[in-house]
Amino acid sequence: MRKWVTRKLGNEIDFLTGFPFKSVGYLNEGIKLLRGDNIAQGKLSWGDAKMWPISEQKAYKIFELQESDVVLAMDRPWIDAGLKYAAISKYDLPCLLVQRTARLRGKDHLDTKFLKYVIGGPQFTQYIQYITTGSIVPHISGEQIKDFSLQLPPLDIQKKIAAVLTALDAKIDCNNRINAELEAMAKTLYDYWFVQFNFPDHNGKPYKSSGGKMVYNSTLKRQIPAGWESAPLSEWIAYDKTGDWGKESIEGNYTLQVECIRGTDINGLNGTGAIAAPTRFILKKNKGKILVPFDFVIEISGGSPTQSTGRMAFILPETIKRFAYPIICSNFCKAIYLKDNSYFFNFAYEWQSAYDNKILFGWEGKTSGIKNLLFNAFVSKYIVCKPPQKFAQRFFEFVSPLQIKKQKLLQENETLEALRDWLLPMLMNGQVAVV
């Protein structure tokens, strides 16, 4: 093996932290500002991106990010799912770096794509965990980042290692984009049929746009298609089951091994985050709490000042295949099952709409500082438009293959991520050679 050398990270990178932005009047359009909140485990999320005026771009050009730049959160750099780092892709541009976020760009002897895997590797993540300080707001400094010692192979070997790992990440990224399109298709049809009421009439034409009869519903205080009903969500639900936490290891009668879905895992079930469901052991008599296809999992405790309780995920047979053991939800969640699974996806999108529109903030209480969803009150009083079963069934038949495909791609991603994470440390220490 050709010689690898030990170098301080700071000598091999162009390092930059962002500019203060607290006084910015945020816009709905412009250049995205990259904050620590936008960085997850190797990924970026722009769902709540803050924007900077395009007219100011020239003055802040030094803070413009480039494709393949590595970014790292300096406040709360470590979260449950892992290190808060990512590499910039062409889909993220243009964007500007802001305070308490670092940009790392490789110099001549350090390939920037290779740098991403240095930062994502176990040695650097363990180093960050060790050096993080601050009890209220955990943080790291630029000098601490630059003080990290790395093993550096020759540049051509760096590029080969990066190429192997990048190929795996590219496939994962492709699957994620496919899943985003699948979700968009389902959501578009839901809005067209059940919000705009342009489901197919008996002639196959859009109902409302073609003059279909609409009647005023005094409960909803709006017009809905003739023959449709209004009903609280509770009328859709057959039963619910509480979560469980069990024991960390086999103890007495706690012998049934399960994986436990927490509120923090719900986004991962939906494909927008990581799943780190712990393995637990529950009483065999509680096996009725095991999740089954067509269950919903709803977070009933947690949230934050900017995030309500009530995050939701649904369980398909393909979801269960993503786990090695039966799955339950934690005691901070609740599982529900519907009376008629024809309405399964209608219920899912009704609930998600309420969550996205921040309606659930109005149905929260507090116990010992923890927010709790007033679940029974919400489902019994939140009234929605309920379509006839035949339209719900047609929607189910359209959406089901899309969601099955989505879950299969998520399972494939988890396999690819496991392969990448297995290869990464061996490639980075030269244990496995590339040719």
Protein backbone atom coordinates (compact mmCIF):
# COMPACT_ATOMS: atom_id res chain seq x y z
CA MET A 1 0.00 0.00 0.00
CA ARG A 2 1.32 3.43 -0.90
CA LYS A 3 2.08 5.67 2.02
CA TRP A 4 -0.72 7.30 3.99
CA VAL A 5 0.19 10.38 6.03
CA THR A 6 -1.21 11.96 9.20
CA ARG A 7 -2.36 15.54 8.79
CA LYS A 8 -4.23 18.13 10.83
CA LEU A 9 -7.58 18.78 9.14
CA GLY A 10 -7.09 22.54 9.37
CA ASN A 11 -3.99 22.35 7.15
CA GLU A 12 -5.88 20.54 4.39
CA ILE A 13 -9.07 22.60 4.10
CA ASP A 14 -10.37 26.07 3.43
CA PHE A 15 -12.48 26.68 6.52
CA LEU A 16 -15.22 29.29 6.83
CA THR A 17 -18.03 30.10 9.23
CA GLY A 18 -21.12 32.04 8.18
CA PHE A 19 -22.36 35.55 8.75
CA PRO A 20 -24.83 36.77 11.44
CA PHE A 21 -28.41 36.89 10.21
CA LYS A 22 -30.63 37.53 13.24
CA SER A 23 -31.69 40.97 12.01
CA VAL A 24 -32.82 39.70 8.61
CA GLY A 25 -36.42 40.28 7.63
CA TYR A 26 -37.12 36.83 6.20
CA LEU A 27 -38.54 36.57 2.70
CA ASN A 28 -40.62 34.02 0.83
CA GLU A 29 -38.18 34.01 -2.06
CA GLY A 30 -34.50 34.69 -2.65
CA ILE A 31 -31.33 32.82 -1.73
CA LYS A 32 -31.59 30.05 0.88
CA LEU A 33 -29.69 30.53 4.13
CA LEU A 34 -28.03 27.36 5.40
CA ARG A 35 -28.48 27.04 9.17
CA GLY A 36 -27.73 24.18 11.54
CA ASP A 37 -31.46 23.37 11.56
CA ASN A 38 -31.22 22.52 7.86
CA ILE A 39 -28.53 19.89 8.43
CA ALA A 40 -29.31 16.31 9.47
CA GLN A 41 -27.26 13.10 9.25
CA GLY A 42 -25.49 13.53 5.94
CA LYS A 43 -28.54 15.28 4.47
CA LEU A 44 -30.01 18.73 4.01
CA SER A 45 -33.62 19.72 4.56
CA TRP A 46 -35.05 22.99 3.26
CA GLY A 47 -38.58 22.68 4.62
CA ASP A 48 -38.21 25.80 6.79
CA ALA A 49 -35.48 27.58 4.82
CA LYS A 50 -34.90 31.26 5.56
CA MET A 51 -34.31 33.43 2.51
CA TRP A 52 -31.91 36.29 1.76
CA PRO A 53 -32.60 39.02 -0.84
CA ILE A 54 -31.06 38.30 -4.24
CA SER A 55 -30.07 41.96 -4.41
CA GLU A 56 -27.65 41.30 -1.52
CA GLN A 57 -25.98 38.30 -3.19
CA LYS A 58 -22.92 40.17 -4.44
CA ALA A 59 -22.13 41.65 -1.02
CA TYR A 60 -22.18 38.20 0.56
CA LYS A 61 -20.48 36.28 -2.24
CA ILE A 62 -17.77 34.96 0.06
CA PHE A 63 -20.45 32.97 1.91
CA GLU A 64 -21.82 31.29 -1.25
CA LEU A 65 -21.60 27.53 -1.11
CA GLN A 66 -20.44 25.33 -3.98
CA GLU A 67 -21.36 21.82 -5.03
CA SER A 68 -19.54 19.22 -2.88
CA ASP A 69 -18.74 21.69 -0.07
CA VAL A 70 -19.06 19.96 3.28
CA VAL A 71 -21.11 21.79 5.92
CA LEU A 72 -21.21 21.08 9.65
CA ALA A 73 -23.41 22.40 12.46
CA MET A 74 -21.35 23.99 15.23
CA ASP A 75 -24.24 24.28 17.70
CA ARG A 76 -25.78 20.97 18.72
CA PRO A 77 -23.47 19.18 16.27
CA TRP A 78 -24.65 15.79 17.48
CA ILE A 79 -28.28 14.65 17.49
CA ASP A 80 -29.99 11.29 18.13
CA ALA A 81 -29.68 10.28 14.49
CA GLY A 82 -26.00 11.19 14.22
CA LEU A 83 -23.61 13.96 13.28
CA LYS A 84 -25.15 17.07 11.73
CA TYR A 85 -23.14 17.29 8.53
CA ALA A 86 -23.87 17.14 4.81
CA ALA A 87 -22.36 17.77 1.40
CA ILE A 88 -23.89 20.42 -0.84
CA SER A 89 -25.47 19.13 -4.04
CA LYS A 90 -26.49 21.03 -7.16
CA TYR A 91 -30.11 20.80 -5.98
CA ASP A 92 -29.25 22.88 -2.88
CA LEU A 93 -27.79 25.84 -4.77
CA PRO A 94 -27.77 28.76 -4.52
CA CYS A 95 -27.42 29.07 -0.75
CA LEU A 96 -25.42 31.11 1.73
CA LEU A 97 -23.64 30.00 4.90
CA VAL A 98 -24.76 31.63 8.16
CA GLN A 99 -23.38 31.85 11.68
CA ARG A 100 -22.65 28.78 13.80
CA THR A 101 -22.38 26.67 10.68
CA ALA A 102 -19.02 25.71 9.16
CA ARG A 103 -17.97 25.16 5.56
CA LEU A 104 -15.10 22.78 4.81
CA ARG A 105 -13.56 22.73 1.32
CA GLY A 106 -10.59 20.53 0.44
CA LYS A 107 -7.33 22.08 -0.74
CA ASP A 108 -5.05 20.65 -3.43
CA HIS A 109 -4.12 17.48 -1.51
CA LEU A 110 -7.60 16.71 -0.17
CA ASP A 111 -10.41 15.71 -2.51
CA THR A 112 -13.59 17.47 -1.33
CA LYS A 113 -15.79 14.43 -2.04
CA PHE A 114 -13.39 12.31 0.02
CA LEU A 115 -13.63 14.96 2.75
CA LYS A 116 -17.35 14.27 3.11
CA TYR A 117 -16.58 10.69 4.13
CA VAL A 118 -13.83 11.82 6.51
CA ILE A 119 -16.43 13.97 8.28
CA GLY A 120 -19.06 11.21 8.15
CA GLY A 121 -16.64 8.52 9.32
CA PRO A 122 -16.53 7.00 12.80
CA GLN A 123 -13.22 8.63 13.85
CA PHE A 124 -14.44 12.18 13.27
CA THR A 125 -17.90 11.57 14.75
CA GLN A 126 -16.35 10.07 17.89
CA TYR A 127 -13.99 13.04 18.07
CA ILE A 128 -16.91 15.50 17.88
CA GLN A 129 -18.78 13.65 20.60
CA TYR A 130 -15.70 13.85 22.81
CA ILE A 131 -14.96 17.56 22.32
CA THR A 132 -18.53 18.93 22.36
CA THR A 133 -19.00 21.33 25.29
CA GLY A 134 -21.86 23.37 26.74
CA SER A 135 -24.73 22.03 28.84
CA ILE A 136 -27.45 24.38 27.58
CA VAL A 137 -26.39 24.66 23.92
CA PRO A 138 -23.77 21.99 23.09
CA HIS A 139 -21.24 23.39 20.63
CA ILE A 140 -17.85 23.04 19.01
CA SER A 141 -15.38 25.65 17.78
CA GLY A 142 -13.63 26.12 14.48
CA GLU A 143 -10.24 25.53 16.13
CA GLN A 144 -11.46 22.19 17.51
CA ILE A 145 -12.62 21.11 14.06
CA LYS A 146 -9.32 22.09 12.47
CA ASP A 147 -7.36 20.28 15.20
CA PHE A 148 -8.67 16.86 14.13
CA SER A 149 -5.93 14.48 12.90
CA LEU A 150 -6.75 12.40 9.83
CA GLN A 151 -5.06 9.64 7.89
CA LEU A 152 -4.67 10.88 4.33
CA PRO A 153 -3.99 8.54 1.38
CA PRO A 154 -2.57 9.76 -1.95
CA LEU A 155 -4.98 11.95 -3.93
CA ASP A 156 -5.77 9.30 -6.57
CA ILE A 157 -6.69 6.80 -3.83
CA GLN A 158 -8.90 9.44 -2.19
CA LYS A 159 -10.79 9.87 -5.46
CA LYS A 160 -11.25 6.11 -5.87
CA ILE A 161 -12.56 5.73 -2.32
CA ALA A 162 -14.92 8.67 -2.83
CA ALA A 163 -16.13 7.18 -6.12
CA VAL A 164 -17.13 3.88 -4.47
CA LEU A 165 -19.01 5.57 -1.64
CA THR A 166 -20.50 8.27 -3.89
CA ALA A 167 -22.00 5.60 -6.17
CA LEU A 168 -23.90 4.17 -3.19
CA ASP A 169 -25.03 7.64 -2.09
CA ALA A 170 -26.12 8.48 -5.64
CA LYS A 171 -28.43 5.46 -5.72
CA ILE A 172 -29.85 6.42 -2.32
CA ASP A 173 -30.40 9.97 -3.56
CA CYS A 174 -32.11 8.69 -6.72
CA ASN A 175 -34.46 6.54 -4.63
CA ASN A 176 -35.28 9.53 -2.44
CA ARG A 177 -36.17 11.64 -5.48
CA ILE A 178 -38.39 8.84 -6.82
CA ASN A 179 -40.13 8.64 -3.46
CA ALA A 180 -40.69 12.41 -3.45
CA GLU A 181 -42.36 12.12 -6.86
CA LEU A 182 -44.50 9.19 -5.71
CA GLU A 183 -45.65 11.16 -2.67
CA ALA A 184 -46.36 14.22 -4.80
CA MET A 185 -48.53 12.14 -7.15
CA ALA A 186 -50.59 10.78 -4.26
CA LYS A 187 -50.95 14.20 -2.62
CA THR A 188 -51.96 15.85 -5.91
CA LEU A 189 -54.70 13.31 -6.50
CA TYR A 190 -55.92 13.64 -2.90
CA ASP A 191 -56.18 17.42 -3.27
CA TYR A 192 -57.93 17.13 -6.64
CA TRP A 193 -60.50 14.59 -5.50
CA PHE A 194 -61.11 15.44 -1.84
CA VAL A 195 -60.23 19.12 -1.46
CA GLN A 196 -61.23 20.55 -4.87
CA PHE A 197 -63.93 17.82 -5.24
CA ASN A 198 -62.97 17.04 -8.83
CA PHE A 199 -63.20 13.28 -8.47
CA PRO A 200 -64.51 11.49 -11.59
CA ASP A 201 -68.28 11.77 -12.02
CA HIS A 202 -70.37 9.05 -13.70
CA ASN A 203 -69.09 10.27 -17.07
CA GLY A 204 -65.48 10.26 -15.96
CA LYS A 205 -65.36 14.07 -15.88
CA PRO A 206 -64.19 16.19 -12.90
CA TYR A 207 -67.23 16.45 -10.64
CA LYS A 208 -67.23 20.05 -9.39
CA SER A 209 -65.75 21.60 -12.53
CA SER A 210 -68.38 19.83 -14.62
CA GLY A 211 -71.29 21.22 -12.63
CA GLY A 212 -71.74 18.42 -10.09
CA LYS A 213 -74.30 19.22 -7.41
CA MET A 214 -72.84 20.85 -4.28
CA VAL A 215 -74.78 21.29 -1.01
CA TYR A 216 -74.06 23.47 2.00
CA ASN A 217 -72.92 21.57 5.09
CA SER A 218 -73.75 23.56 8.22
CA THR A 219 -71.19 21.70 10.36
CA LEU A 220 -68.28 22.33 8.03
CA LYS A 221 -69.72 25.72 7.00
CA ARG A 222 -68.96 25.11 3.34
CA GLN A 223 -70.31 23.31 0.33
CA ILE A 224 -69.54 19.66 -0.24
CA PRO A 225 -70.67 17.22 -2.95
CA ALA A 226 -74.23 15.95 -2.67
CA GLY A 227 -74.31 12.60 -0.88
CA TRP A 228 -71.10 13.21 1.06
CA GLU A 229 -71.07 13.43 4.85
CA SER A 230 -69.26 15.22 7.63
CA ALA A 231 -67.96 13.20 10.56
CA PRO A 232 -65.43 13.47 13.40
CA LEU A 233 -62.27 11.43 12.99
CA SER A 234 -63.36 9.26 15.93
CA GLU A 235 -66.08 7.75 13.72
CA TRP A 236 -63.37 6.41 11.40
CA ILE A 237 -61.46 4.66 14.22
CA ALA A 238 -62.21 1.09 15.33
CA TYR A 239 -59.80 0.93 18.29
CA ASP A 240 -56.51 2.20 19.61
CA LYS A 241 -53.71 0.57 21.54
CA THR A 242 -51.22 2.18 23.86
CA GLY A 243 -47.49 1.95 23.47
CA ASP A 244 -44.99 0.09 25.61
CA TRP A 245 -41.36 0.55 26.63
CA GLY A 246 -40.58 -2.76 28.26
CA LYS A 247 -37.05 -3.53 29.37
CA GLU A 248 -33.62 -3.03 27.82
CA SER A 249 -32.78 -6.73 28.21
CA ILE A 250 -34.55 -9.95 29.11
CA GLU A 251 -35.79 -9.62 32.66
CA GLY A 252 -38.27 -11.96 34.34
CA ASN A 253 -41.32 -12.30 32.08
CA TYR A 254 -40.10 -9.53 29.77
CA THR A 255 -38.93 -11.90 27.04
CA LEU A 256 -40.67 -10.82 23.82
CA GLN A 257 -38.09 -9.02 21.67
CA VAL A 258 -39.39 -6.05 19.69
CA GLU A 259 -38.22 -2.82 18.10
CA CYS A 260 -39.81 0.29 19.57
CA ILE A 261 -40.93 3.20 17.39
CA ARG A 262 -40.58 6.54 19.18
CA GLY A 263 -41.81 9.95 18.08
CA THR A 264 -38.33 10.70 16.77
CA ASP A 265 -38.55 7.65 14.45
CA ILE A 266 -41.84 8.66 12.82
CA ASN A 267 -40.20 10.84 10.17
CA GLY A 268 -37.92 7.92 9.32
CA LEU A 269 -40.92 5.64 8.80
CA ASN A 270 -42.20 8.23 6.33
CA GLY A 271 -38.82 8.45 4.59
CA THR A 272 -37.76 11.93 5.72
CA GLY A 273 -35.25 10.99 8.41
CA ALA A 274 -33.40 8.19 10.12
CA ILE A 275 -34.88 5.35 12.17
CA ALA A 276 -33.00 4.45 15.32
CA ALA A 277 -35.70 2.35 17.00
CA PRO A 278 -34.19 0.64 20.07
CA THR A 279 -34.58 -3.06 20.71
CA ARG A 280 -36.68 -3.74 23.82
CA PHE A 281 -38.26 -6.72 25.59
CA ILE A 282 -41.94 -6.67 26.55
CA LEU A 283 -44.28 -9.05 28.36
CA LYS A 284 -45.63 -11.80 26.13
CA LYS A 285 -49.13 -10.97 27.38
CA ASN A 286 -48.70 -7.57 25.69
CA LYS A 287 -48.12 -9.03 22.24
CA GLY A 288 -51.41 -7.42 21.22
CA LYS A 289 -49.48 -4.13 21.14
CA ILE A 290 -47.39 -5.33 18.22
CA LEU A 291 -48.09 -3.19 15.17
CA VAL A 292 -49.83 -4.80 12.21
CA PRO A 293 -50.49 -3.68 8.63
CA PHE A 294 -52.87 -0.70 8.42
CA ASP A 295 -52.09 0.55 11.90
CA PHE A 296 -51.35 4.23 12.33
CA VAL A 297 -48.70 5.41 14.79
CA ILE A 298 -49.35 8.85 16.30
CA GLU A 299 -47.04 10.77 18.62
CA ILE A 300 -49.04 11.90 21.65
CA SER A 301 -46.26 13.39 23.81
CA GLY A 302 -43.30 15.50 22.78
CA GLY A 303 -43.07 18.17 20.15
CA SER A 304 -41.40 21.55 20.69
CA PRO A 305 -42.39 25.23 20.65
CA THR A 306 -42.25 25.13 16.84
CA GLN A 307 -43.39 21.52 16.30
CA SER A 308 -46.70 20.23 17.53
CA THR A 309 -47.35 16.77 18.84
CA GLY A 310 -49.31 14.49 16.54
CA ARG A 311 -46.70 13.35 14.02
CA MET A 312 -48.14 10.36 12.18
CA ALA A 313 -46.92 7.38 10.20
CA PHE A 314 -48.86 4.45 8.80
CA ILE A 315 -47.85 0.81 8.70
CA LEU A 316 -47.94 -1.31 5.56
CA PRO A 317 -46.73 -4.93 5.22
CA GLU A 318 -43.67 -3.49 3.45
CA THR A 319 -43.01 -1.19 6.43
CA ILE A 320 -42.78 -4.18 8.77
CA LYS A 321 -40.22 -5.81 6.45
CA ARG A 322 -37.84 -2.94 7.19
CA PHE A 323 -37.36 -4.32 10.73
CA ALA A 324 -35.62 -7.43 12.06
CA TYR A 325 -38.16 -7.94 14.87
CA PRO A 326 -41.84 -7.19 15.47
CA ILE A 327 -42.46 -3.51 16.07
CA ILE A 328 -44.40 -1.65 18.74
CA CYS A 329 -44.72 2.04 19.49
CA SER A 330 -43.37 3.65 22.63
CA ASN A 331 -45.58 4.84 25.45
CA PHE A 332 -45.21 8.39 24.09
CA CYS A 333 -47.17 7.23 21.03
CA LYS A 334 -50.50 5.60 20.30
CA ALA A 335 -51.53 3.17 17.56
CA ILE A 336 -54.98 3.24 15.96
CA TYR A 337 -56.82 1.00 13.51
CA LEU A 338 -59.74 2.03 11.29
CA LYS A 339 -63.18 0.47 10.97
CA ASP A 340 -62.87 0.37 7.17
CA ASN A 341 -59.42 0.27 5.55
CA SER A 342 -60.90 1.60 2.32
CA TYR A 343 -60.48 4.95 4.08
CA PHE A 344 -56.88 4.23 5.09
CA PHE A 345 -55.17 6.77 2.84
CA ASN A 346 -57.99 9.31 3.17
CA PHE A 347 -57.46 9.25 6.93
CA ALA A 348 -53.69 9.53 6.48
CA TYR A 349 -53.94 12.66 4.33
CA GLU A 350 -56.66 14.23 6.50
CA TRP A 351 -54.47 13.79 9.57
CA GLN A 352 -51.35 15.03 7.80
CA SER A 353 -53.22 18.07 6.55
CA ALA A 354 -54.25 18.95 10.11
CA TYR A 355 -50.65 18.55 11.25
CA ASP A 356 -49.16 20.56 8.37
CA ASN A 357 -51.67 23.36 8.90
CA LYS A 358 -50.67 23.53 12.60
CA ILE A 359 -54.19 22.70 13.77
CA LEU A 360 -52.85 20.27 16.37
CA PHE A 361 -51.16 23.11 18.27
CA GLY A 362 -54.65 23.97 19.46
CA TRP A 363 -55.16 20.49 20.94
CA GLU A 364 -52.23 20.26 23.33
CA GLY A 365 -51.92 20.21 27.09
CA LYS A 366 -48.87 20.11 29.34
CA THR A 367 -47.76 17.70 32.04
CA SER A 368 -44.49 18.37 33.87
CA GLY A 369 -43.34 20.59 31.01
CA ILE A 370 -44.01 17.97 28.32
CA LYS A 371 -46.63 18.72 25.69
CA ASN A 372 -49.37 16.09 25.30
CA LEU A 373 -51.81 15.73 22.45
CA LEU A 374 -55.40 15.79 23.70
CA PHE A 375 -56.08 12.86 21.43
CA ASN A 376 -59.60 11.88 22.48
CA ALA A 377 -60.82 15.46 22.44
CA PHE A 378 -59.27 16.12 19.05
CA VAL A 379 -60.60 13.06 17.21
CA SER A 380 -64.10 13.46 18.69
CA LYS A 381 -64.38 17.17 17.82
CA TYR A 382 -62.35 17.59 14.64
CA ILE A 383 -64.91 17.27 11.85
CA VAL A 384 -63.91 16.44 8.29
CA CYS A 385 -65.65 15.70 5.02
CA LYS A 386 -66.05 11.94 4.56
CA PRO A 387 -66.54 10.70 0.99
CA PRO A 388 -68.63 7.69 0.01
CA GLN A 389 -66.80 4.39 0.39
CA LYS A 390 -66.53 3.82 -3.37
CA PHE A 391 -64.37 6.94 -3.85
CA ALA A 392 -62.22 6.11 -0.84
CA GLN A 393 -61.71 2.62 -2.28
CA ARG A 394 -60.67 4.01 -5.68
CA PHE A 395 -58.23 6.36 -4.00
CA PHE A 396 -56.84 3.45 -1.95
CA GLU A 397 -56.31 1.40 -5.11
CA PHE A 398 -54.42 4.27 -6.75
CA VAL A 399 -52.22 5.21 -3.79
CA SER A 400 -51.47 1.72 -2.43
CA PRO A 401 -48.93 0.69 -5.13
CA LEU A 402 -47.23 4.09 -4.83
CA GLN A 403 -46.78 3.72 -1.09
CA ILE A 404 -45.70 0.08 -1.42
CA LYS A 405 -43.05 1.15 -3.92
CA LYS A 406 -41.96 3.93 -1.56
CA GLN A 407 -41.51 1.52 1.35
CA LYS A 408 -39.53 -0.91 -0.82
CA LEU A 409 -37.19 1.88 -1.90
CA LEU A 410 -36.75 2.94 1.73
CA GLN A 411 -35.84 -0.64 2.62
CA GLU A 412 -33.36 -0.69 -0.28
CA ASN A 413 -31.88 2.58 0.97
CA GLU A 414 -31.38 1.11 4.42
CA THR A 415 -29.50 -1.82 2.87
CA LEU A 416 -27.34 0.55 0.81
CA GLU A 417 -26.67 2.76 3.82
CA ALA A 418 -25.64 -0.27 5.89
CA LEU A 419 -23.25 -1.37 3.10
CA ARG A 420 -21.79 2.13 2.84
CA ASP A 421 -21.35 2.46 6.60
CA TRP A 422 -19.70 -0.99 6.73
CA LEU A 423 -17.29 -0.13 3.94
CA LEU A 424 -16.53 3.42 5.04
CA PRO A 425 -14.24 2.80 8.06
CA MET A 426 -12.35 0.01 6.29
CA LEU A 427 -11.77 2.17 3.22
CA MET A 428 -10.78 5.15 5.35
CA ASN A 429 -8.11 3.26 7.31
CA GLY A 430 -6.79 1.33 4.34
CA GLN A 431 -8.06 -2.04 5.55
CA VAL A 432 -9.86 -2.47 2.22
CA ALA A 433 -8.02 -1.31 -0.89
CA VAL A 434 -9.58 0.09 -4.06
CA VAL A 435 -8.13 -0.62 -7.46
